[in-house]
Structures are given as C-alpha cells and as structure tokens.
Amino acid sequence: MPKVAVYNMNAEQVGELELDDRLWNAPIRPDLMHEVVLMHLAGRRVGTHATKTRSEVRGGGRKPWRQKGTGRARQGSIRAPQWKGGGTVHGPQPRSYKYTLPKKVRRAALYSALSSKLGEGKLIVLDGLQFDQPKTKQMVALLNKFNVEKALIVDASKDANAYLSARNLPGVKYVVPEGMTVYDLLRLDHLVLTKDAVAKVQEVYA
C-alpha cells in the first residue's frame, strides 16, 4: 500500500497514512478520464438555444398572391423557409446534452485521476482543517505554506468557515468527498484532503 505524509495546518509533518491500492495505485487511463470529462461538460450545457419554425415567425398569415395566373411560383406564406425572414428548417431546439457512462468506467477514471495526483506528488493530506472564522487570507496563507495556488480541497467535516474562506479564491474549490469529480481533479493542480476525507473517499469509492 502506498504511504503519504500527514501534515498539520502549519505544514509540519505529524505522521503517515496508508492508502488503498485500488484508489491510489490504479492504472492511469487517460482515455477513460477524457470520456468522463466530456460527459461532465456535456451535462453542464444549458441547451436553451432555439430557432423559430415557420409557424412561430410573426406574420405570413395571408397567401402572398393567388395560386394561378401570375406567372410566378406558387407560394403559401411569406414566412416559408425559402423567404428572407422566414422560419428555419431543422434549426437547433431546446434539448438536454446529458448522458451517463457506465459506473465502472466512471470509477476507473476517478481511480486514475487520484492515482495520477499521488504519482505526481500533488497530493497533500492534512490532519484537520478548521478555521475559527471565515477568512480568505487564512486559506491563502495555508495554501502558500505548501506552495499551492490551485487546489481541490476535500473535507469530510463540511466546515462552514473553511468553505467560506475558500469560496472567493478563483483557483480553489472546497467540496465534500461525495462532490469530488474527475473534471475538478484534472482542472486543479493539487488535491488537498483531510485524514477524515481520505477515509471517507476510500469508504465511498472503494
């Protein structure tokens, strides 16, 4: 089993922690991580784009000229698709782009992302994460002690002060273990977990 150092909030090592091989020593699968990221981004699309068909465009209720005798092509409405200002044929309509990959694929991609963080030395484990009050400066100071700018912080305790301290930082995201995604793991440079979060992650995903 791989081992990782455990630090306190002063960046001092206070122990070691053994990690589960299934999550932290899994094969790196860039193909699966790519597929899961595409699924995540597709689910975020709003899909509210719309064009008007000939029945929705204003006007065009009267036949522009009689059917026969004018020498011109027959027309039923000035809002038909071939007219300027007419309706759009087969244009985009509101829809959902969401789709779901198999659970095994999603799990394998998550294991790959977690293992890559450990392999790159970008995993930081804290013995705890507690703030007396919401203070963004304190969160910045904590991350600076580890030379971290962009990080996904995973905390099992759902500390409100820690969440509020991290919320305004553009390169920092604070989540509970159930809210961890492959997209965030790959988008943010470092992964910062508390000891309780490591246990919870291994309980939920292993």
C-alpha atoms as a PDB file:
ATOM      1  CA  MET A   1       0.000   0.000   0.000  1.00  0.00           C
ATOM      2  CA  PRO A   2       1.326   3.486  -0.799  1.00  0.00           C
ATOM      3  CA  LYS A   3       2.047   5.781   2.112  1.00  0.00           C
ATOM      4  CA  VAL A   4       1.658   9.555   2.285  1.00  0.00           C
ATOM      5  CA  ALA A   5       2.802  12.101   4.827  1.00  0.00           C
ATOM      6  CA  VAL A   6       0.218  13.819   7.030  1.00  0.00           C
ATOM      7  CA  TYR A   7       0.684  17.498   7.836  1.00  0.00           C
ATOM      8  CA  ASN A   8      -0.878  19.943  10.234  1.00  0.00           C
ATOM      9  CA  MET A   9      -2.031  23.415   9.236  1.00  0.00           C
ATOM     10  CA  ASN A  10       1.487  24.761   9.843  1.00  0.00           C
ATOM     11  CA  ALA A  11       2.871  22.468   7.119  1.00  0.00           C
ATOM     12  CA  GLU A  12       4.638  20.317   9.717  1.00  0.00           C
ATOM     13  CA  GLN A  13       4.627  16.555   9.230  1.00  0.00           C
ATOM     14  CA  VAL A  14       2.799  14.842  12.085  1.00  0.00           C
ATOM     15  CA  GLY A  15       2.549  11.286  10.775  1.00  0.00           C
ATOM     16  CA  GLU A  16       1.958   8.946   7.847  1.00  0.00           C
ATOM     17  CA  LEU A  17      -1.117   7.380   6.336  1.00  0.00           C
ATOM     18  CA  GLU A  18      -1.537   4.190   4.332  1.00  0.00           C
ATOM     19  CA  LEU A  19      -3.676   4.490   1.223  1.00  0.00           C
ATOM     20  CA  ASP A  20      -5.862   1.921  -0.503  1.00  0.00           C
ATOM     21  CA  ASP A  21      -4.162   0.379  -3.551  1.00  0.00           C
ATOM     22  CA  ARG A  22      -7.393   0.268  -5.527  1.00  0.00           C
ATOM     23  CA  LEU A  23      -7.813   4.047  -5.473  1.00  0.00           C
ATOM     24  CA  TRP A  24      -4.274   5.357  -5.231  1.00  0.00           C
ATOM     25  CA  ASN A  25      -2.245   2.808  -7.183  1.00  0.00           C
ATOM     26  CA  ALA A  26      -4.554   2.181 -10.120  1.00  0.00           C
ATOM     27  CA  PRO A  27      -3.527   2.119 -13.804  1.00  0.00           C
ATOM     28  CA  ILE A  28      -3.554   5.574 -15.389  1.00  0.00           C
ATOM     29  CA  ARG A  29      -6.221   5.626 -18.107  1.00  0.00           C
ATOM     30  CA  PRO A  30      -6.187   8.955 -19.990  1.00  0.00           C
ATOM     31  CA  ASP A  31      -8.828   7.645 -22.394  1.00  0.00           C
ATOM     32  CA  LEU A  32     -11.334   6.993 -19.621  1.00  0.00           C
ATOM     33  CA  MET A  33     -10.596  10.291 -17.896  1.00  0.00           C
ATOM     34  CA  HIS A  34     -11.179  12.056 -21.213  1.00  0.00           C
ATOM     35  CA  GLU A  35     -14.544  10.338 -21.694  1.00  0.00           C
ATOM     36  CA  VAL A  36     -15.683  11.207 -18.171  1.00  0.00           C
ATOM     37  CA  VAL A  37     -14.652  14.852 -18.563  1.00  0.00           C
ATOM     38  CA  LEU A  38     -16.629  15.055 -21.814  1.00  0.00           C
ATOM     39  CA  MET A  39     -19.650  13.578 -20.015  1.00  0.00           C
ATOM     40  CA  HIS A  40     -19.270  16.124 -17.198  1.00  0.00           C
ATOM     41  CA  LEU A  41     -19.030  19.078 -19.600  1.00  0.00           C
ATOM     42  CA  ALA A  42     -21.974  17.814 -21.661  1.00  0.00           C
ATOM     43  CA  GLY A  43     -24.097  17.693 -18.515  1.00  0.00           C
ATOM     44  CA  ARG A  44     -23.253  21.332 -17.795  1.00  0.00           C
ATOM     45  CA  ARG A  45     -24.537  22.571 -21.160  1.00  0.00           C
ATOM     46  CA  VAL A  46     -27.725  24.582 -20.791  1.00  0.00           C
ATOM     47  CA  GLY A  47     -29.200  23.559 -24.130  1.00  0.00           C
ATOM     48  CA  THR A  48     -31.591  26.515 -24.315  1.00  0.00           C
ATOM     49  CA  HIS A  49     -30.690  27.508 -27.902  1.00  0.00           C
ATOM     50  CA  ALA A  50     -33.720  27.767 -30.205  1.00  0.00           C
ATOM     51  CA  THR A  51     -34.719  28.892 -33.666  1.00  0.00           C
ATOM     52  CA  LYS A  52     -38.228  29.662 -34.886  1.00  0.00           C
ATOM     53  CA  THR A  53     -40.035  27.449 -37.341  1.00  0.00           C
ATOM     54  CA  ARG A  54     -42.409  28.890 -39.950  1.00  0.00           C
ATOM     55  CA  SER A  55     -45.325  28.507 -37.540  1.00  0.00           C
ATOM     56  CA  GLU A  56     -43.565  30.595 -34.885  1.00  0.00           C
ATOM     57  CA  VAL A  57     -42.367  33.546 -37.001  1.00  0.00           C
ATOM     58  CA  ARG A  58     -44.603  36.603 -36.779  1.00  0.00           C
ATOM     59  CA  GLY A  59     -46.664  37.375 -39.885  1.00  0.00           C
ATOM     60  CA  GLY A  60     -47.232  35.410 -43.065  1.00  0.00           C
ATOM     61  CA  GLY A  61     -50.849  34.568 -42.431  1.00  0.00           C
ATOM     62  CA  ARG A  62     -52.081  35.670 -45.869  1.00  0.00           C
ATOM     63  CA  LYS A  63     -51.232  33.956 -49.137  1.00  0.00           C
ATOM     64  CA  PRO A  64     -48.938  36.460 -50.929  1.00  0.00           C
ATOM     65  CA  TRP A  65     -50.606  36.041 -54.333  1.00  0.00           C
ATOM     66  CA  ARG A  66     -53.161  33.800 -55.974  1.00  0.00           C
ATOM     67  CA  GLN A  67     -52.284  30.246 -56.870  1.00  0.00           C
ATOM     68  CA  LYS A  68     -52.507  30.566 -60.663  1.00  0.00           C
ATOM     69  CA  GLY A  69     -52.297  33.155 -63.387  1.00  0.00           C
ATOM     70  CA  THR A  70     -49.431  35.368 -62.161  1.00  0.00           C
ATOM     71  CA  GLY A  71     -46.588  33.509 -63.856  1.00  0.00           C
ATOM     72  CA  ARG A  72     -44.745  33.294 -60.551  1.00  0.00           C
ATOM     73  CA  ALA A  73     -44.098  30.221 -58.450  1.00  0.00           C
ATOM     74  CA  ARG A  74     -46.899  29.295 -56.122  1.00  0.00           C
ATOM     75  CA  GLN A  75     -46.391  30.485 -52.541  1.00  0.00           C
ATOM     76  CA  GLY A  76     -48.452  29.959 -49.424  1.00  0.00           C
ATOM     77  CA  SER A  77     -46.734  32.264 -46.949  1.00  0.00           C
ATOM     78  CA  ILE A  78     -44.008  34.900 -46.836  1.00  0.00           C
ATOM     79  CA  ARG A  79     -42.694  33.159 -43.709  1.00  0.00           C
ATOM     80  CA  ALA A  80     -41.876  29.893 -45.515  1.00  0.00           C
ATOM     81  CA  PRO A  81     -38.215  28.860 -45.134  1.00  0.00           C
ATOM     82  CA  GLN A  82     -37.153  29.984 -48.613  1.00  0.00           C
ATOM     83  CA  TRP A  83     -38.193  33.586 -47.892  1.00  0.00           C
ATOM     84  CA  LYS A  84     -35.992  36.150 -46.216  1.00  0.00           C
ATOM     85  CA  GLY A  85     -37.284  36.467 -42.662  1.00  0.00           C
ATOM     86  CA  GLY A  86     -38.957  33.082 -42.894  1.00  0.00           C
ATOM     87  CA  GLY A  87     -38.757  30.192 -40.478  1.00  0.00           C
ATOM     88  CA  THR A  88     -35.696  27.983 -40.018  1.00  0.00           C
ATOM     89  CA  VAL A  89     -35.744  24.345 -41.094  1.00  0.00           C
ATOM     90  CA  HIS A  90     -34.114  21.787 -38.781  1.00  0.00           C
ATOM     91  CA  GLY A  91     -32.614  24.500 -36.594  1.00  0.00           C
ATOM     92  CA  PRO A  92     -31.463  23.887 -33.000  1.00  0.00           C
ATOM     93  CA  GLN A  93     -34.195  23.419 -30.425  1.00  0.00           C
ATOM     94  CA  PRO A  94     -34.032  23.220 -26.613  1.00  0.00           C
ATOM     95  CA  ARG A  95     -32.575  19.881 -25.557  1.00  0.00           C
ATOM     96  CA  SER A  96     -30.505  18.179 -22.885  1.00  0.00           C
ATOM     97  CA  TYR A  97     -26.975  17.057 -23.743  1.00  0.00           C
ATOM     98  CA  LYS A  98     -26.680  14.974 -20.595  1.00  0.00           C
ATOM     99  CA  TYR A  99     -25.675  11.340 -20.855  1.00  0.00           C
ATOM    100  CA  THR A 100     -24.241   8.776 -18.440  1.00  0.00           C
ATOM    101  CA  LEU A 101     -21.291   6.446 -18.832  1.00  0.00           C
ATOM    102  CA  PRO A 102     -21.241   3.035 -17.119  1.00  0.00           C
ATOM    103  CA  LYS A 103     -20.427   3.124 -13.414  1.00  0.00           C
ATOM    104  CA  LYS A 104     -17.297   1.004 -13.886  1.00  0.00           C
ATOM    105  CA  VAL A 105     -15.938   3.495 -16.409  1.00  0.00           C
ATOM    106  CA  ARG A 106     -16.600   6.434 -14.095  1.00  0.00           C
ATOM    107  CA  ARG A 107     -14.956   4.647 -11.158  1.00  0.00           C
ATOM    108  CA  ALA A 108     -11.907   3.658 -13.225  1.00  0.00           C
ATOM    109  CA  ALA A 109     -11.493   7.261 -14.394  1.00  0.00           C
ATOM    110  CA  LEU A 110     -11.708   8.525 -10.796  1.00  0.00           C
ATOM    111  CA  TYR A 111      -9.127   5.970  -9.653  1.00  0.00           C
ATOM    112  CA  SER A 112      -6.854   7.094 -12.499  1.00  0.00           C
ATOM    113  CA  ALA A 113      -7.189  10.747 -11.521  1.00  0.00           C
ATOM    114  CA  LEU A 114      -6.477  10.045  -7.850  1.00  0.00           C
ATOM    115  CA  SER A 115      -3.500   7.831  -8.687  1.00  0.00           C
ATOM    116  CA  SER A 116      -2.082  10.467 -11.024  1.00  0.00           C
ATOM    117  CA  LYS A 117      -2.204  13.078  -8.233  1.00  0.00           C
ATOM    118  CA  LEU A 118      -0.289  10.764  -5.918  1.00  0.00           C
ATOM    119  CA  GLY A 119       2.192   9.825  -8.639  1.00  0.00           C
ATOM    120  CA  GLU A 120       2.872  13.463  -9.495  1.00  0.00           C
ATOM    121  CA  GLY A 121       3.426  14.375  -5.848  1.00  0.00           C
ATOM    122  CA  LYS A 122       0.446  16.711  -5.856  1.00  0.00           C
ATOM    123  CA  LEU A 123      -1.470  15.057  -3.012  1.00  0.00           C
ATOM    124  CA  ILE A 124      -1.472  16.807   0.379  1.00  0.00           C
ATOM    125  CA  VAL A 125      -3.095  15.214   3.430  1.00  0.00           C
ATOM    126  CA  LEU A 126      -3.912  17.335   6.488  1.00  0.00           C
ATOM    127  CA  ASP A 127      -4.711  16.021   9.943  1.00  0.00           C
ATOM    128  CA  GLY A 128      -7.579  18.527  10.097  1.00  0.00           C
ATOM    129  CA  LEU A 129      -8.932  21.702   8.580  1.00  0.00           C
ATOM    130  CA  GLN A 130     -10.583  24.125  10.979  1.00  0.00           C
ATOM    131  CA  PHE A 131     -10.992  27.886  10.888  1.00  0.00           C
ATOM    132  CA  ASP A 132     -12.218  29.981  13.813  1.00  0.00           C
ATOM    133  CA  GLN A 133     -13.924  32.362  11.403  1.00  0.00           C
ATOM    134  CA  PRO A 134     -14.390  32.781   7.640  1.00  0.00           C
ATOM    135  CA  LYS A 135     -11.149  34.388   6.485  1.00  0.00           C
ATOM    136  CA  THR A 136      -9.897  34.159   2.910  1.00  0.00           C
ATOM    137  CA  LYS A 137      -6.449  35.392   3.970  1.00  0.00           C
ATOM    138  CA  GLN A 138      -6.084  32.397   6.281  1.00  0.00           C
ATOM    139  CA  MET A 139      -6.882  29.986   3.464  1.00  0.00           C
ATOM    140  CA  VAL A 140      -4.383  31.729   1.181  1.00  0.00           C
ATOM    141  CA  ALA A 141      -1.757  31.581   3.925  1.00  0.00           C
ATOM    142  CA  LEU A 142      -2.404  27.865   4.436  1.00  0.00           C
ATOM    143  CA  LEU A 143      -2.027  27.094   0.733  1.00  0.00           C
ATOM    144  CA  ASN A 144       1.091  29.255   0.469  1.00  0.00           C
ATOM    145  CA  LYS A 145       2.770  27.133   3.148  1.00  0.00           C
ATOM    146  CA  PHE A 146       2.521  24.205   0.735  1.00  0.00           C
ATOM    147  CA  ASN A 147       3.348  26.331  -2.367  1.00  0.00           C
ATOM    148  CA  VAL A 148      -0.125  25.670  -3.758  1.00  0.00           C
ATOM    149  CA  GLU A 149      -2.134  28.084  -5.920  1.00  0.00           C
ATOM    150  CA  LYS A 150      -4.854  25.942  -7.467  1.00  0.00           C
ATOM    151  CA  ALA A 151      -6.302  23.136  -5.376  1.00  0.00           C
ATOM    152  CA  LEU A 152      -9.302  20.919  -4.848  1.00  0.00           C
ATOM    153  CA  ILE A 153      -9.899  20.780  -1.097  1.00  0.00           C
ATOM    154  CA  VAL A 154     -11.849  17.742   0.104  1.00  0.00           C
ATOM    155  CA  ASP A 155     -13.092  17.818   3.686  1.00  0.00           C
ATOM    156  CA  ALA A 156     -15.439  15.331   5.312  1.00  0.00           C
ATOM    157  CA  SER A 157     -16.442  17.656   8.148  1.00  0.00           C
ATOM    158  CA  LYS A 158     -18.197  20.242   5.912  1.00  0.00           C
ATOM    159  CA  ASP A 159     -16.662  23.079   7.927  1.00  0.00           C
ATOM    160  CA  ALA A 160     -18.643  26.225   7.078  1.00  0.00           C
ATOM    161  CA  ASN A 161     -15.771  28.583   7.905  1.00  0.00           C
ATOM    162  CA  ALA A 162     -13.359  26.660   5.681  1.00  0.00           C
ATOM    163  CA  TYR A 163     -15.888  26.667   2.834  1.00  0.00           C
ATOM    164  CA  LEU A 164     -16.461  30.410   3.109  1.00  0.00           C
ATOM    165  CA  SER A 165     -12.711  31.026   3.330  1.00  0.00           C
ATOM    166  CA  ALA A 166     -12.108  29.162   0.060  1.00  0.00           C
ATOM    167  CA  ARG A 167     -15.181  30.305  -1.842  1.00  0.00           C
ATOM    168  CA  ASN A 168     -13.759  33.584  -3.165  1.00  0.00           C
ATOM    169  CA  LEU A 169     -10.497  32.095  -4.442  1.00  0.00           C
ATOM    170  CA  PRO A 170     -10.728  31.545  -8.211  1.00  0.00           C
ATOM    171  CA  GLY A 171      -8.336  28.574  -8.293  1.00  0.00           C
ATOM    172  CA  VAL A 172      -9.672  26.803  -5.204  1.00  0.00           C
ATOM    173  CA  LYS A 173     -12.717  24.593  -4.769  1.00  0.00           C
ATOM    174  CA  TYR A 174     -13.943  23.153  -1.452  1.00  0.00           C
ATOM    175  CA  VAL A 175     -16.086  20.011  -1.606  1.00  0.00           C
ATOM    176  CA  VAL A 176     -17.122  17.012   0.458  1.00  0.00           C
ATOM    177  CA  PRO A 177     -15.924  13.563  -0.708  1.00  0.00           C
ATOM    178  CA  GLU A 178     -19.204  12.838  -2.495  1.00  0.00           C
ATOM    179  CA  GLY A 179     -18.788  16.032  -4.557  1.00  0.00           C
ATOM    180  CA  MET A 180     -15.366  15.146  -5.959  1.00  0.00           C
ATOM    181  CA  THR A 181     -15.251  14.867  -9.764  1.00  0.00           C
ATOM    182  CA  VAL A 182     -12.651  13.798 -12.314  1.00  0.00           C
ATOM    183  CA  TYR A 183     -13.067  17.169 -14.028  1.00  0.00           C
ATOM    184  CA  ASP A 184     -12.061  19.082 -10.885  1.00  0.00           C
ATOM    185  CA  LEU A 185      -9.196  16.693 -10.150  1.00  0.00           C
ATOM    186  CA  LEU A 186      -7.708  17.304 -13.585  1.00  0.00           C
ATOM    187  CA  ARG A 187      -8.546  21.013 -13.752  1.00  0.00           C
ATOM    188  CA  LEU A 188      -6.933  21.942 -10.432  1.00  0.00           C
ATOM    189  CA  ASP A 189      -3.237  21.302  -9.827  1.00  0.00           C
ATOM    190  CA  HIS A 190      -3.229  19.928  -6.281  1.00  0.00           C
ATOM    191  CA  LEU A 191      -5.502  17.702  -4.237  1.00  0.00           C
ATOM    192  CA  VAL A 192      -5.756  18.602  -0.550  1.00  0.00           C
ATOM    193  CA  LEU A 193      -7.584  16.168   1.731  1.00  0.00           C
ATOM    194  CA  THR A 194      -8.077  15.833   5.438  1.00  0.00           C
ATOM    195  CA  LYS A 195      -7.452  12.450   7.087  1.00  0.00           C
ATOM    196  CA  ASP A 196     -11.193  12.035   7.580  1.00  0.00           C
ATOM    197  CA  ALA A 197     -11.765  12.830   3.911  1.00  0.00           C
ATOM    198  CA  VAL A 198      -9.267  10.149   2.852  1.00  0.00           C
ATOM    199  CA  ALA A 199     -11.135   7.592   4.973  1.00  0.00           C
ATOM    200  CA  LYS A 200     -14.471   8.742   3.565  1.00  0.00           C
ATOM    201  CA  VAL A 201     -13.223   8.665  -0.040  1.00  0.00           C
ATOM    202  CA  GLN A 202     -11.928   5.133   0.419  1.00  0.00           C
ATOM    203  CA  GLU A 203     -15.187   4.099   2.076  1.00  0.00           C
ATOM    204  CA  VAL A 204     -17.407   5.581  -0.627  1.00  0.00           C
ATOM    205  CA  TYR A 205     -15.425   4.809  -3.785  1.00  0.00           C
ATOM    206  CA  ALA A 206     -13.533   1.624  -2.911  1.00  0.00           C
END
